[in-house]
C-alpha atoms as a PDB file:
ATOM      1  CA  MET A   1      97.780  56.183 136.248  1.00  0.00           C
ATOM      2  CA  LYS A   2     101.243  55.907 134.674  1.00  0.00           C
ATOM      3  CA  ARG A   3      99.761  54.106 131.702  1.00  0.00           C
ATOM      4  CA  PHE A   4      97.165  56.870 131.235  1.00  0.00           C
ATOM      5  CA  ALA A   5      99.873  59.546 131.349  1.00  0.00           C
ATOM      6  CA  LEU A   6     101.953  57.612 128.817  1.00  0.00           C
ATOM      7  CA  VAL A   7      98.992  57.304 126.419  1.00  0.00           C
ATOM      8  CA  LEU A   8      98.197  60.989 126.841  1.00  0.00           C
ATOM      9  CA  ILE A   9     101.793  62.006 126.091  1.00  0.00           C
ATOM     10  CA  SER A  10     101.836  59.727 123.042  1.00  0.00           C
ATOM     11  CA  LEU A  11      98.634  61.267 121.701  1.00  0.00           C
ATOM     12  CA  LEU A  12      99.954  64.777 122.313  1.00  0.00           C
ATOM     13  CA  PHE A  13     103.196  63.989 120.490  1.00  0.00           C
ATOM     14  CA  THR A  14     101.285  62.496 117.545  1.00  0.00           C
ATOM     15  CA  PHE A  15      99.014  65.552 117.342  1.00  0.00           C
ATOM     16  CA  THR A  16     101.907  68.035 117.353  1.00  0.00           C
ATOM     17  CA  THR A  17     103.753  66.012 114.696  1.00  0.00           C
ATOM     18  CA  ILE A  18     100.706  65.912 112.410  1.00  0.00           C
ATOM     19  CA  THR A  19     100.061  69.631 112.907  1.00  0.00           C
ATOM     20  CA  GLY A  20     103.663  70.405 111.970  1.00  0.00           C
ATOM     21  CA  VAL A  21     103.388  68.350 108.790  1.00  0.00           C
ATOM     22  CA  PHE A  22     100.284  70.256 107.684  1.00  0.00           C
ATOM     23  CA  ALA A  23     101.925  73.612 108.436  1.00  0.00           C
ATOM     24  CA  ALA A  24     104.998  72.632 106.424  1.00  0.00           C
ATOM     25  CA  ASP A  25     102.771  71.445 103.584  1.00  0.00           C
ATOM     26  CA  LYS A  26     101.087  74.868 103.337  1.00  0.00           C
ATOM     27  CA  THR A  27     104.393  76.727 102.968  1.00  0.00           C
ATOM     28  CA  ALA A  28     105.791  74.068 100.653  1.00  0.00           C
ATOM     29  CA  ASN A  29     102.936  74.734  98.229  1.00  0.00           C
ATOM     30  CA  SER A  30     103.946  78.368  97.783  1.00  0.00           C
ATOM     31  CA  LYS A  31     106.053  79.185  94.751  1.00  0.00           C
ATOM     32  CA  THR A  32     107.967  82.272  93.730  1.00  0.00           C
ATOM     33  CA  ARG A  33     106.936  83.440  90.281  1.00  0.00           C
ATOM     34  CA  GLN A  34     107.720  86.345  87.971  1.00  0.00           C
ATOM     35  CA  ILE A  35     105.578  88.039  85.363  1.00  0.00           C
ATOM     36  CA  THR A  36     106.375  90.902  82.986  1.00  0.00           C
ATOM     37  CA  GLY A  37     103.348  92.533  81.436  1.00  0.00           C
ATOM     38  CA  TYR A  38     101.074  95.540  81.432  1.00  0.00           C
ATOM     39  CA  VAL A  39      98.977  96.802  84.341  1.00  0.00           C
ATOM     40  CA  THR A  40      95.290  96.466  83.478  1.00  0.00           C
ATOM     41  CA  ALA A  41      93.709  97.276  86.856  1.00  0.00           C
ATOM     42  CA  ILE A  42      94.686  98.985  90.115  1.00  0.00           C
ATOM     43  CA  ASP A  43      92.778  98.911  93.404  1.00  0.00           C
ATOM     44  CA  THR A  44      94.464 101.177  95.952  1.00  0.00           C
ATOM     45  CA  LYS A  45      91.890 100.360  98.653  1.00  0.00           C
ATOM     46  CA  SER A  46      92.659  96.637  98.658  1.00  0.00           C
ATOM     47  CA  ASN A  47      96.278  97.166  97.489  1.00  0.00           C
ATOM     48  CA  THR A  48      96.057  94.964  94.409  1.00  0.00           C
ATOM     49  CA  ILE A  49      97.075  95.277  90.790  1.00  0.00           C
ATOM     50  CA  THR A  50      96.272  93.103  87.805  1.00  0.00           C
ATOM     51  CA  VAL A  51      99.037  92.360  85.303  1.00  0.00           C
ATOM     52  CA  ASN A  52      98.298  91.053  81.804  1.00  0.00           C
ATOM     53  CA  LYS A  53     100.846  89.077  79.795  1.00  0.00           C
ATOM     54  CA  LYS A  54      99.401  88.010  76.452  1.00  0.00           C
ATOM     55  CA  SER A  55      96.187  86.241  77.435  1.00  0.00           C
ATOM     56  CA  LYS A  56      97.155  85.569  81.064  1.00  0.00           C
ATOM     57  CA  GLU A  57      95.953  87.942  83.810  1.00  0.00           C
ATOM     58  CA  VAL A  58      97.339  87.735  87.327  1.00  0.00           C
ATOM     59  CA  ALA A  59      95.892  89.604  90.324  1.00  0.00           C
ATOM     60  CA  ILE A  60      98.641  90.467  92.792  1.00  0.00           C
ATOM     61  CA  ASN A  61      98.389  91.768  96.357  1.00  0.00           C
ATOM     62  CA  ILE A  62     100.831  94.466  97.443  1.00  0.00           C
ATOM     63  CA  GLY A  63     101.970  94.168 101.049  1.00  0.00           C
ATOM     64  CA  GLU A  64     103.881  96.466 103.369  1.00  0.00           C
ATOM     65  CA  LYS A  65     107.155  94.705 102.522  1.00  0.00           C
ATOM     66  CA  THR A  66     106.659  94.929  98.741  1.00  0.00           C
ATOM     67  CA  LYS A  67     109.481  96.872  97.104  1.00  0.00           C
ATOM     68  CA  ILE A  68     108.203  99.112  94.277  1.00  0.00           C
ATOM     69  CA  VAL A  69     110.911 100.633  92.069  1.00  0.00           C
ATOM     70  CA  GLN A  70     110.909 102.893  89.019  1.00  0.00           C
ATOM     71  CA  CYS A  71     114.393 103.305  87.523  1.00  0.00           C
ATOM     72  CA  THR A  72     116.414 103.380  90.745  1.00  0.00           C
ATOM     73  CA  TYR A  73     113.857 105.267  92.844  1.00  0.00           C
ATOM     74  CA  LYS A  74     111.532 103.663  95.352  1.00  0.00           C
ATOM     75  CA  THR A  75     107.906 104.528  94.711  1.00  0.00           C
ATOM     76  CA  ALA A  76     104.444 103.520  95.945  1.00  0.00           C
ATOM     77  CA  ILE A  77     101.338 101.878  94.549  1.00  0.00           C
ATOM     78  CA  THR A  78      99.947 105.333  93.802  1.00  0.00           C
ATOM     79  CA  ASP A  79     102.738 105.820  91.217  1.00  0.00           C
ATOM     80  CA  ILE A  80     101.672 102.762  89.209  1.00  0.00           C
ATOM     81  CA  LYS A  81      99.347 103.585  86.316  1.00  0.00           C
ATOM     82  CA  ILE A  82      97.163 101.465  84.054  1.00  0.00           C
ATOM     83  CA  GLY A  83      99.192 100.653  80.954  1.00  0.00           C
ATOM     84  CA  ASP A  84     102.575 100.671  82.724  1.00  0.00           C
ATOM     85  CA  LYS A  85     104.859  97.789  81.814  1.00  0.00           C
ATOM     86  CA  VAL A  86     105.995  96.092  85.024  1.00  0.00           C
ATOM     87  CA  THR A  87     107.983  93.107  86.186  1.00  0.00           C
ATOM     88  CA  VAL A  88     106.542  91.557  89.333  1.00  0.00           C
ATOM     89  CA  LYS A  89     108.184  88.913  91.487  1.00  0.00           C
ATOM     90  CA  TYR A  90     105.483  87.367  93.655  1.00  0.00           C
ATOM     91  CA  LYS A  91     104.790  84.486  95.973  1.00  0.00           C
ATOM     92  CA  GLU A  92     101.995  82.261  94.701  1.00  0.00           C
ATOM     93  CA  THR A  93      99.900  80.299  97.177  1.00  0.00           C
ATOM     94  CA  ARG A  94      96.512  78.635  96.920  1.00  0.00           C
ATOM     95  CA  ASP A  95      94.757  81.678  98.369  1.00  0.00           C
ATOM     96  CA  LYS A  96      96.519  84.660  96.798  1.00  0.00           C
ATOM     97  CA  ASN A  97      99.560  86.093  95.065  1.00  0.00           C
ATOM     98  CA  THR A  98     101.674  88.477  97.131  1.00  0.00           C
ATOM     99  CA  ALA A  99     104.235  90.741  95.476  1.00  0.00           C
ATOM    100  CA  LYS A 100     107.812  90.725  96.717  1.00  0.00           C
ATOM    101  CA  SER A 101     108.927  93.404  94.255  1.00  0.00           C
ATOM    102  CA  ILE A 102     107.482  95.455  91.420  1.00  0.00           C
ATOM    103  CA  THR A 103     109.725  97.151  88.882  1.00  0.00           C
ATOM    104  CA  ILE A 104     108.080  99.704  86.611  1.00  0.00           C
ATOM    105  CA  ARG A 105     109.737  99.204  83.187  1.00  0.00           C
ATOM    106  CA  GLU A 106     107.899 101.614  80.881  1.00  0.00           C
ATOM    107  CA  VAL A 107     105.576 104.358  81.988  1.00  0.00           C
ATOM    108  CA  SER A 108     102.368 104.854  80.004  1.00  0.00           C
ATOM    109  CA  GLU A 109     101.544 108.388  79.035  1.00  0.00           C
END
């Protein structure tokens, strides 16, 4: 019985160690990026914007913690317009890009 308990504890320890390695690997694969470009699409229902810099387009999710600023004033996704020049700092993962901050540089008219 002691031997069975020892094997069981060993297997449990191995499983928790492997699970921790995979969880760390997922967060290690996320990178913080920055893009400055023009807004080409806005979806207020899914809280996403698309930013175009030259020939590169990046779709970015806007979360509750995303800081959106124009000049020195905090704003919301509804204040972003297509054609606005923005700088976006975002976290890139395999699944999606999530904005940390969006600064509206030039407002389109």
